[in-house]
Amino acid sequence: MATLRSQLSLDELYSIIKEGDRYAFDVVYDKTWDRLYSVAYNRLREEEAVKDILHEIYLDLWVKRGIRNIDNLMGYLTNSVKKKVIDYFRKNIYTVAAIDDFAEIIAGSEYADAKLRDDELEHVFRIWYDNMPKKRKEIFRFRYEDNYTTQQISDLLKVSRKTVQNQLLNSKGEFQSILKKIFTIFLGF
């Protein structure tokens, strides 16, 4: 019986898992573990964290088997790994560079979904903004959130207008670079 299950597709196996078949679950686990481990480990490089992430995903798959309708099991599992890795980044306060690097694994993914892209673009902006030097962040906020002119910012902060312009150029260039890479990766431009 187990040999027959190993010949089924992942989606066929999931249909059987939904009925509570533990052997089908074991086959899915065996067929997907290496790939999912590789996706997570290539980003984290922390074996224990990767194992914890995969454990959570497989446990969730089993526990919620009766309520989840999954049409593409490998896509679902891959997205779950990506989301868990991003959550791990968030919890461990990774830099924009780490998230930017992680985006590269999504580049070739046929499974990236719009919700993940939207949430992560917003999250990348927030991390980038939060990690800016204090003065640059203040100038950026005055210009792009409060709509002050460079002269108004210069007068308010008692710095030269050229300093304000340089800080804005630096932040704008850095963020444009990040956006360009992300849009290329996430949207396929």
C-alpha atoms as a PDB file:
ATOM      1  CA  MET A   1       0.000   0.000   0.000  1.00  0.00           C
ATOM      2  CA  ALA A   2       2.832   2.417   0.883  1.00  0.00           C
ATOM      3  CA  THR A   3       4.481   1.706  -2.484  1.00  0.00           C
ATOM      4  CA  LEU A   4       1.267   2.663  -4.286  1.00  0.00           C
ATOM      5  CA  ARG A   5       1.094   5.917  -2.344  1.00  0.00           C
ATOM      6  CA  SER A   6       4.637   6.858  -3.334  1.00  0.00           C
ATOM      7  CA  GLN A   7       3.553   6.773  -6.994  1.00  0.00           C
ATOM      8  CA  LEU A   8       0.789   9.336  -6.447  1.00  0.00           C
ATOM      9  CA  SER A   9       1.240  13.058  -7.055  1.00  0.00           C
ATOM     10  CA  LEU A  10       1.500  15.387  -4.074  1.00  0.00           C
ATOM     11  CA  ASP A  11      -1.971  16.731  -4.744  1.00  0.00           C
ATOM     12  CA  GLU A  12      -3.424  13.224  -4.902  1.00  0.00           C
ATOM     13  CA  LEU A  13      -1.666  12.402  -1.651  1.00  0.00           C
ATOM     14  CA  TYR A  14      -3.100  15.507  -0.016  1.00  0.00           C
ATOM     15  CA  SER A  15      -6.604  14.336  -0.896  1.00  0.00           C
ATOM     16  CA  ILE A  16      -5.854  11.137   1.003  1.00  0.00           C
ATOM     17  CA  ILE A  17      -4.267  13.062   3.886  1.00  0.00           C
ATOM     18  CA  LYS A  18      -7.484  15.051   4.243  1.00  0.00           C
ATOM     19  CA  GLU A  19      -9.177  11.750   5.072  1.00  0.00           C
ATOM     20  CA  GLY A  20      -6.666  11.206   7.902  1.00  0.00           C
ATOM     21  CA  ASP A  21      -4.221   8.851   6.190  1.00  0.00           C
ATOM     22  CA  ARG A  22      -0.959   9.065   8.136  1.00  0.00           C
ATOM     23  CA  TYR A  23       0.949   6.970   5.581  1.00  0.00           C
ATOM     24  CA  ALA A  24       0.102   9.434   2.799  1.00  0.00           C
ATOM     25  CA  PHE A  25       1.336  12.228   5.066  1.00  0.00           C
ATOM     26  CA  ASP A  26       4.626  10.366   5.583  1.00  0.00           C
ATOM     27  CA  VAL A  27       5.042  10.035   1.806  1.00  0.00           C
ATOM     28  CA  VAL A  28       4.437  13.779   1.333  1.00  0.00           C
ATOM     29  CA  TYR A  29       6.946  14.479   4.084  1.00  0.00           C
ATOM     30  CA  ASP A  30       9.551  12.243   2.436  1.00  0.00           C
ATOM     31  CA  LYS A  31       8.937  13.726  -1.017  1.00  0.00           C
ATOM     32  CA  THR A  32       9.074  17.389   0.064  1.00  0.00           C
ATOM     33  CA  TRP A  33      11.425  17.622   3.052  1.00  0.00           C
ATOM     34  CA  ASP A  34      14.702  18.033   1.131  1.00  0.00           C
ATOM     35  CA  ARG A  35      13.417  20.764  -1.166  1.00  0.00           C
ATOM     36  CA  LEU A  36      11.745  22.719   1.630  1.00  0.00           C
ATOM     37  CA  TYR A  37      14.789  22.321   3.854  1.00  0.00           C
ATOM     38  CA  SER A  38      16.982  23.660   1.054  1.00  0.00           C
ATOM     39  CA  VAL A  39      14.770  26.724   0.491  1.00  0.00           C
ATOM     40  CA  ALA A  40      14.835  27.642   4.177  1.00  0.00           C
ATOM     41  CA  TYR A  41      18.458  26.723   4.868  1.00  0.00           C
ATOM     42  CA  ASN A  42      19.769  28.718   1.902  1.00  0.00           C
ATOM     43  CA  ARG A  43      18.406  31.836   3.597  1.00  0.00           C
ATOM     44  CA  LEU A  44      18.847  31.175   7.285  1.00  0.00           C
ATOM     45  CA  ARG A  45      21.955  28.998   7.497  1.00  0.00           C
ATOM     46  CA  GLU A  46      20.715  27.949  10.922  1.00  0.00           C
ATOM     47  CA  GLU A  47      19.890  24.256  10.981  1.00  0.00           C
ATOM     48  CA  GLU A  48      17.826  24.293  14.172  1.00  0.00           C
ATOM     49  CA  ALA A  49      15.723  27.248  13.017  1.00  0.00           C
ATOM     50  CA  VAL A  50      15.094  25.527   9.673  1.00  0.00           C
ATOM     51  CA  LYS A  51      14.047  22.304  11.376  1.00  0.00           C
ATOM     52  CA  ASP A  52      11.698  24.254  13.670  1.00  0.00           C
ATOM     53  CA  ILE A  53      10.131  26.014  10.693  1.00  0.00           C
ATOM     54  CA  LEU A  54       9.582  22.774   8.809  1.00  0.00           C
ATOM     55  CA  HIS A  55       8.194  21.087  11.906  1.00  0.00           C
ATOM     56  CA  GLU A  56       5.645  23.904  12.299  1.00  0.00           C
ATOM     57  CA  ILE A  57       4.639  23.673   8.638  1.00  0.00           C
ATOM     58  CA  TYR A  58       4.165  19.910   8.615  1.00  0.00           C
ATOM     59  CA  LEU A  59       2.362  19.983  11.949  1.00  0.00           C
ATOM     60  CA  ASP A  60       0.032  22.688  10.657  1.00  0.00           C
ATOM     61  CA  LEU A  61      -0.565  20.713   7.457  1.00  0.00           C
ATOM     62  CA  TRP A  62      -1.602  17.663   9.470  1.00  0.00           C
ATOM     63  CA  VAL A  63      -3.631  19.437  12.149  1.00  0.00           C
ATOM     64  CA  LYS A  64      -5.589  21.575   9.669  1.00  0.00           C
ATOM     65  CA  ARG A  65      -5.933  18.932   6.971  1.00  0.00           C
ATOM     66  CA  GLY A  66      -9.707  18.815   7.362  1.00  0.00           C
ATOM     67  CA  ILE A  67     -10.231  22.547   6.907  1.00  0.00           C
ATOM     68  CA  ARG A  68      -7.654  23.491   4.296  1.00  0.00           C
ATOM     69  CA  ASN A  69      -8.384  23.248   0.593  1.00  0.00           C
ATOM     70  CA  ILE A  70      -5.043  23.174  -1.171  1.00  0.00           C
ATOM     71  CA  ASP A  71      -4.929  22.832  -4.941  1.00  0.00           C
ATOM     72  CA  ASN A  72      -1.145  22.928  -5.326  1.00  0.00           C
ATOM     73  CA  LEU A  73       0.494  21.288  -2.319  1.00  0.00           C
ATOM     74  CA  MET A  74       4.105  22.020  -3.298  1.00  0.00           C
ATOM     75  CA  GLY A  75       3.207  25.652  -3.946  1.00  0.00           C
ATOM     76  CA  TYR A  76       1.453  25.868  -0.617  1.00  0.00           C
ATOM     77  CA  LEU A  77       4.365  24.296   1.261  1.00  0.00           C
ATOM     78  CA  THR A  78       6.941  26.474  -0.503  1.00  0.00           C
ATOM     79  CA  ASN A  79       4.976  29.641   0.287  1.00  0.00           C
ATOM     80  CA  SER A  80       4.612  28.490   3.881  1.00  0.00           C
ATOM     81  CA  VAL A  81       8.379  28.108   4.163  1.00  0.00           C
ATOM     82  CA  LYS A  82       8.953  31.545   2.671  1.00  0.00           C
ATOM     83  CA  LYS A  83       6.468  33.167   5.024  1.00  0.00           C
ATOM     84  CA  LYS A  84       7.969  31.403   8.050  1.00  0.00           C
ATOM     85  CA  VAL A  85      11.471  32.498   7.043  1.00  0.00           C
ATOM     86  CA  ILE A  86      10.280  36.079   6.683  1.00  0.00           C
ATOM     87  CA  ASP A  87       8.622  35.830  10.098  1.00  0.00           C
ATOM     88  CA  TYR A  88      11.925  34.568  11.441  1.00  0.00           C
ATOM     89  CA  PHE A  89      13.663  37.606   9.893  1.00  0.00           C
ATOM     90  CA  ARG A  90      11.120  39.881  11.553  1.00  0.00           C
ATOM     91  CA  LYS A  91      11.457  38.279  14.960  1.00  0.00           C
ATOM     92  CA  ASN A  92      15.226  38.398  14.782  1.00  0.00           C
ATOM     93  CA  ILE A  93      15.416  41.943  13.412  1.00  0.00           C
ATOM     94  CA  TYR A  94      17.264  41.178  10.227  1.00  0.00           C
ATOM     95  CA  THR A  95      18.438  44.063   8.095  1.00  0.00           C
ATOM     96  CA  VAL A  96      17.028  45.192   4.783  1.00  0.00           C
ATOM     97  CA  ALA A  97      20.039  43.509   3.163  1.00  0.00           C
ATOM     98  CA  ALA A  98      18.993  40.133   4.562  1.00  0.00           C
ATOM     99  CA  ILE A  99      15.418  40.559   3.375  1.00  0.00           C
ATOM    100  CA  ASP A 100      16.700  41.879   0.046  1.00  0.00           C
ATOM    101  CA  ASP A 101      18.849  38.752  -0.323  1.00  0.00           C
ATOM    102  CA  PHE A 102      15.938  36.534   0.673  1.00  0.00           C
ATOM    103  CA  ALA A 103      13.843  38.069  -2.105  1.00  0.00           C
ATOM    104  CA  GLU A 104      16.190  36.380  -4.569  1.00  0.00           C
ATOM    105  CA  ILE A 105      14.759  32.954  -3.771  1.00  0.00           C
ATOM    106  CA  ILE A 106      11.329  34.222  -4.674  1.00  0.00           C
ATOM    107  CA  ALA A 107      12.631  35.382  -8.058  1.00  0.00           C
ATOM    108  CA  GLY A 108      12.435  31.956  -9.641  1.00  0.00           C
ATOM    109  CA  SER A 109       9.384  30.910  -7.744  1.00  0.00           C
ATOM    110  CA  GLU A 110       6.238  30.112  -9.605  1.00  0.00           C
ATOM    111  CA  TYR A 111       4.487  30.074  -6.269  1.00  0.00           C
ATOM    112  CA  ALA A 112       4.892  33.677  -5.066  1.00  0.00           C
ATOM    113  CA  ASP A 113       1.481  35.154  -4.399  1.00  0.00           C
ATOM    114  CA  ALA A 114       0.259  38.750  -4.486  1.00  0.00           C
ATOM    115  CA  LYS A 115      -0.536  38.962  -0.774  1.00  0.00           C
ATOM    116  CA  LEU A 116       2.968  37.871   0.159  1.00  0.00           C
ATOM    117  CA  ARG A 117       4.421  40.444  -2.240  1.00  0.00           C
ATOM    118  CA  ASP A 118       2.295  43.308  -0.890  1.00  0.00           C
ATOM    119  CA  ASP A 119       2.954  42.494   2.744  1.00  0.00           C
ATOM    120  CA  GLU A 120       6.652  42.029   2.223  1.00  0.00           C
ATOM    121  CA  LEU A 121       7.107  45.196   0.150  1.00  0.00           C
ATOM    122  CA  GLU A 122       5.522  47.148   2.956  1.00  0.00           C
ATOM    123  CA  HIS A 123       7.654  45.337   5.497  1.00  0.00           C
ATOM    124  CA  VAL A 124      10.860  45.970   3.532  1.00  0.00           C
ATOM    125  CA  PHE A 125      10.044  49.687   3.365  1.00  0.00           C
ATOM    126  CA  ARG A 126       9.376  49.795   7.101  1.00  0.00           C
ATOM    127  CA  ILE A 127      12.663  48.060   7.935  1.00  0.00           C
ATOM    128  CA  TRP A 128      14.585  50.279   5.522  1.00  0.00           C
ATOM    129  CA  TYR A 129      12.985  53.390   6.994  1.00  0.00           C
ATOM    130  CA  ASP A 130      13.477  52.276  10.613  1.00  0.00           C
ATOM    131  CA  ASN A 131      17.168  51.537   9.986  1.00  0.00           C
ATOM    132  CA  MET A 132      18.016  54.876   8.417  1.00  0.00           C
ATOM    133  CA  PRO A 133      20.346  57.120  10.382  1.00  0.00           C
ATOM    134  CA  LYS A 134      18.356  59.397  12.691  1.00  0.00           C
ATOM    135  CA  LYS A 135      19.049  62.659  10.832  1.00  0.00           C
ATOM    136  CA  ARG A 136      18.386  61.139   7.401  1.00  0.00           C
ATOM    137  CA  LYS A 137      15.137  59.622   8.660  1.00  0.00           C
ATOM    138  CA  GLU A 138      14.068  62.991  10.034  1.00  0.00           C
ATOM    139  CA  ILE A 139      14.837  64.744   6.740  1.00  0.00           C
ATOM    140  CA  PHE A 140      13.078  61.995   4.776  1.00  0.00           C
ATOM    141  CA  ARG A 141       9.986  62.268   6.983  1.00  0.00           C
ATOM    142  CA  PHE A 142       9.846  66.064   6.690  1.00  0.00           C
ATOM    143  CA  ARG A 143      10.162  65.899   2.905  1.00  0.00           C
ATOM    144  CA  TYR A 144       7.998  62.926   1.971  1.00  0.00           C
ATOM    145  CA  GLU A 145       5.505  62.673   4.812  1.00  0.00           C
ATOM    146  CA  ASP A 146       5.110  66.323   5.795  1.00  0.00           C
ATOM    147  CA  ASN A 147       5.819  67.769   2.313  1.00  0.00           C
ATOM    148  CA  TYR A 148       8.319  70.388   3.480  1.00  0.00           C
ATOM    149  CA  THR A 149      10.610  71.987   0.933  1.00  0.00           C
ATOM    150  CA  THR A 150      14.342  71.471   1.236  1.00  0.00           C
ATOM    151  CA  GLN A 151      14.711  75.099   2.346  1.00  0.00           C
ATOM    152  CA  GLN A 152      12.076  74.641   5.074  1.00  0.00           C
ATOM    153  CA  ILE A 153      13.856  71.510   6.304  1.00  0.00           C
ATOM    154  CA  SER A 154      17.183  73.318   6.216  1.00  0.00           C
ATOM    155  CA  ASP A 155      15.813  76.181   8.307  1.00  0.00           C
ATOM    156  CA  LEU A 156      14.039  73.831  10.727  1.00  0.00           C
ATOM    157  CA  LEU A 157      17.068  71.606  11.345  1.00  0.00           C
ATOM    158  CA  LYS A 158      19.626  74.395  11.112  1.00  0.00           C
ATOM    159  CA  VAL A 159      21.697  72.637   8.470  1.00  0.00           C
ATOM    160  CA  SER A 160      22.652  73.730   4.981  1.00  0.00           C
ATOM    161  CA  ARG A 161      20.209  73.207   2.161  1.00  0.00           C
ATOM    162  CA  LYS A 162      22.916  71.208   0.372  1.00  0.00           C
ATOM    163  CA  THR A 163      23.098  68.800   3.339  1.00  0.00           C
ATOM    164  CA  VAL A 164      19.336  68.283   3.153  1.00  0.00           C
ATOM    165  CA  GLN A 165      19.524  67.682  -0.595  1.00  0.00           C
ATOM    166  CA  ASN A 166      22.401  65.213  -0.196  1.00  0.00           C
ATOM    167  CA  GLN A 167      20.567  63.283   2.520  1.00  0.00           C
ATOM    168  CA  LEU A 168      17.437  63.125   0.362  1.00  0.00           C
ATOM    169  CA  LEU A 169      19.444  62.008  -2.663  1.00  0.00           C
ATOM    170  CA  ASN A 170      21.172  59.304  -0.630  1.00  0.00           C
ATOM    171  CA  SER A 171      17.954  57.959   0.857  1.00  0.00           C
ATOM    172  CA  LYS A 172      16.054  58.213  -2.403  1.00  0.00           C
ATOM    173  CA  GLY A 173      18.818  56.444  -4.357  1.00  0.00           C
ATOM    174  CA  GLU A 174      19.116  53.694  -1.766  1.00  0.00           C
ATOM    175  CA  PHE A 175      15.378  53.085  -1.694  1.00  0.00           C
ATOM    176  CA  GLN A 176      15.066  53.227  -5.486  1.00  0.00           C
ATOM    177  CA  SER A 177      17.759  50.576  -5.717  1.00  0.00           C
ATOM    178  CA  ILE A 178      15.891  48.346  -3.284  1.00  0.00           C
ATOM    179  CA  LEU A 179      12.579  48.944  -5.082  1.00  0.00           C
ATOM    180  CA  LYS A 180      14.100  48.222  -8.467  1.00  0.00           C
ATOM    181  CA  LYS A 181      15.437  44.900  -7.266  1.00  0.00           C
ATOM    182  CA  ILE A 182      12.212  43.993  -5.483  1.00  0.00           C
ATOM    183  CA  PHE A 183       9.974  44.938  -8.400  1.00  0.00           C
ATOM    184  CA  THR A 184      12.203  42.971 -10.727  1.00  0.00           C
ATOM    185  CA  ILE A 185      12.031  39.979  -8.446  1.00  0.00           C
ATOM    186  CA  PHE A 186       8.437  40.126  -7.245  1.00  0.00           C
ATOM    187  CA  LEU A 187       6.706  41.437 -10.322  1.00  0.00           C
ATOM    188  CA  GLY A 188       8.903  40.011 -13.037  1.00  0.00           C
ATOM    189  CA  PHE A 189       9.634  43.365 -14.738  1.00  0.00           C
END
